[in-house]
Amino acid sequence: MDLTIHSTFLPHTDPAASLAFYCDTLGFEVRKDVEYNGLHWITVGPPGQPGTSIVLHPPAATPGLTDDERRTIGEMMAKGTFAMIILASPDLDGTFARLEGSGAEVIQEPTEQPYGVRDCAFRDPAGNHVRINEQQ
């Protein structure tokens, strides 16, 4: 099999705040911005990697959810336990400084993990857990 990761989905609660975080702060580019009934699906990705994208989606638009499930998702997003993505950077300290300087919520400063990875962690504007691994 020859598989690649094309896209992954992360929920968002505020399209403008998500665009600011993923594009202005992380440096990703907008690939698509689809609006339907007042909701936005925004596809972003790193420049030079057109085959890999993150789709920022409105969790309220997920079909088949009950009101209780929507409430639970909202509560989990607020705690940062609903969704996570792991990114990589060859300059973890520089990336951390840029994110911290932007006002992004720091979860963990750059740390050497016991399992052999040096990383840091933030929350995006929707509460999603964003980890960044140092990659040489």
Protein backbone atom coordinates (compact mmCIF):
# COMPACT_ATOMS: atom_id res chain seq x y z
CA MET A 1 0.00 0.00 0.00
CA ASP A 2 1.11 3.55 -0.72
CA LEU A 3 -0.83 5.79 1.66
CA THR A 4 -0.30 9.40 2.68
CA ILE A 5 -2.09 11.62 5.14
CA HIS A 6 -4.20 14.03 3.11
CA SER A 7 -6.10 15.89 5.81
CA THR A 8 -7.15 15.76 9.41
CA PHE A 9 -10.01 17.57 11.11
CA LEU A 10 -9.88 19.82 14.15
CA PRO A 11 -12.93 21.60 15.53
CA HIS A 12 -13.03 25.36 15.78
CA THR A 13 -15.36 27.75 17.55
CA ASP A 14 -14.26 31.03 15.96
CA PRO A 15 -13.16 31.17 12.31
CA ALA A 16 -11.29 34.49 12.65
CA ALA A 17 -9.38 33.38 15.76
CA SER A 18 -8.52 30.05 14.13
CA LEU A 19 -7.25 31.78 10.98
CA ALA A 20 -5.12 34.12 13.09
CA PHE A 21 -3.60 31.21 15.03
CA TYR A 22 -2.99 28.78 12.18
CA CYS A 23 -2.01 31.33 9.52
CA ASP A 24 -0.60 34.41 11.24
CA THR A 25 1.04 32.61 14.17
CA LEU A 26 1.95 29.19 12.76
CA GLY A 27 2.53 30.43 9.21
CA PHE A 28 0.13 28.03 7.48
CA GLU A 29 -1.66 29.03 4.30
CA VAL A 30 -5.40 28.96 3.62
CA ARG A 31 -6.30 26.34 1.04
CA LYS A 32 -10.10 26.65 1.22
CA ASP A 33 -12.62 28.67 3.20
CA VAL A 34 -16.12 27.30 2.70
CA GLU A 35 -19.09 29.03 4.29
CA TYR A 36 -22.49 27.37 4.46
CA ASN A 37 -25.41 28.55 6.58
CA GLY A 38 -23.14 30.82 8.59
CA LEU A 39 -20.66 28.04 9.42
CA HIS A 40 -17.07 27.84 8.13
CA TRP A 41 -14.89 24.93 7.10
CA ILE A 42 -11.37 26.27 6.71
CA THR A 43 -8.61 24.17 5.19
CA VAL A 44 -5.07 25.25 6.09
CA GLY A 45 -1.67 23.70 5.63
CA PRO A 46 2.04 24.33 5.73
CA PRO A 47 3.52 26.10 2.70
CA GLY A 48 5.38 23.71 0.43
CA GLN A 49 3.30 20.74 1.59
CA PRO A 50 0.19 20.92 -0.60
CA GLY A 51 -0.74 17.30 0.07
CA THR A 52 -1.16 17.72 3.83
CA SER A 53 -3.96 19.83 5.31
CA ILE A 54 -5.90 20.53 8.48
CA VAL A 55 -9.63 21.12 8.07
CA LEU A 56 -10.90 23.40 10.83
CA HIS A 57 -14.56 22.53 11.11
CA PRO A 58 -17.55 23.69 13.14
CA PRO A 59 -18.35 20.83 15.53
CA ALA A 60 -22.01 21.87 15.62
CA ALA A 61 -22.32 20.80 11.99
CA THR A 62 -21.50 17.16 12.67
CA PRO A 63 -24.57 15.20 11.57
CA GLY A 64 -26.38 12.94 13.98
CA LEU A 65 -25.19 14.52 17.23
CA THR A 66 -27.61 14.91 20.07
CA ASP A 67 -27.76 18.10 22.14
CA ASP A 68 -26.07 16.19 25.01
CA GLU A 69 -23.25 15.09 22.70
CA ARG A 70 -22.77 18.65 21.41
CA ARG A 71 -22.60 19.90 25.01
CA THR A 72 -20.07 17.19 25.92
CA ILE A 73 -17.92 18.07 22.89
CA GLY A 74 -18.01 21.75 23.89
CA GLU A 75 -16.96 20.89 27.43
CA MET A 76 -14.12 18.66 26.21
CA MET A 77 -12.93 21.32 23.75
CA ALA A 78 -12.87 23.90 26.56
CA LYS A 79 -10.64 21.57 28.63
CA GLY A 80 -8.42 20.72 25.65
CA THR A 81 -9.30 17.02 25.78
CA PHE A 82 -11.38 16.61 22.62
CA ALA A 83 -8.78 16.90 19.85
CA MET A 84 -5.02 17.01 19.46
CA ILE A 85 -2.50 17.45 16.69
CA ILE A 86 1.26 16.96 16.81
CA LEU A 87 3.38 19.19 14.59
CA ALA A 88 7.16 19.19 14.15
CA SER A 89 9.78 21.91 13.91
CA PRO A 90 13.56 21.85 13.49
CA ASP A 91 13.69 24.99 15.73
CA LEU A 92 11.54 24.15 18.75
CA ASP A 93 12.84 27.02 20.88
CA GLY A 94 12.24 29.61 18.13
CA THR A 95 8.79 28.19 17.43
CA PHE A 96 7.93 28.22 21.13
CA ALA A 97 9.08 31.85 21.48
CA ARG A 98 6.97 32.91 18.49
CA LEU A 99 3.84 31.16 19.82
CA GLU A 100 4.34 32.39 23.37
CA GLY A 101 4.91 35.91 22.05
CA SER A 102 1.65 35.74 20.12
CA GLY A 103 -0.26 35.18 23.35
CA ALA A 104 -1.09 31.53 22.61
CA GLU A 105 -1.97 29.56 25.74
CA VAL A 106 1.09 27.60 26.84
CA ILE A 107 0.44 24.11 28.19
CA GLN A 108 4.08 23.04 28.43
CA GLU A 109 7.39 24.77 27.78
CA PRO A 110 10.04 22.93 25.71
CA THR A 111 10.84 19.76 27.63
CA GLU A 112 12.95 16.66 27.07
CA GLN A 113 10.44 13.82 27.46
CA PRO A 114 11.46 10.49 29.03
CA TYR A 115 10.39 8.72 25.83
CA GLY A 116 13.07 10.50 23.78
CA VAL A 117 11.21 13.47 22.29
CA ARG A 118 11.79 17.13 23.04
CA ASP A 119 8.53 19.03 22.66
CA CYS A 120 6.22 21.79 23.87
CA ALA A 121 2.46 22.24 23.89
CA PHE A 122 -0.17 24.95 23.40
CA ARG A 123 -3.92 25.26 23.04
CA ASP A 124 -5.38 26.75 19.88
CA PRO A 125 -8.27 29.26 20.16
CA ALA A 126 -10.83 26.41 20.30
CA GLY A 127 -8.96 24.63 23.09
CA ASN A 128 -7.40 21.93 20.89
CA HIS A 129 -4.14 20.52 22.21
CA VAL A 130 -1.29 21.40 19.82
CA ARG A 131 2.02 19.67 20.54
CA ILE A 132 5.17 20.52 18.66
CA ASN A 133 8.01 18.00 18.48
CA GLU A 134 11.58 19.03 17.80
CA GLN A 135 12.68 17.30 14.64
CA GLN A 136 16.23 17.51 13.35
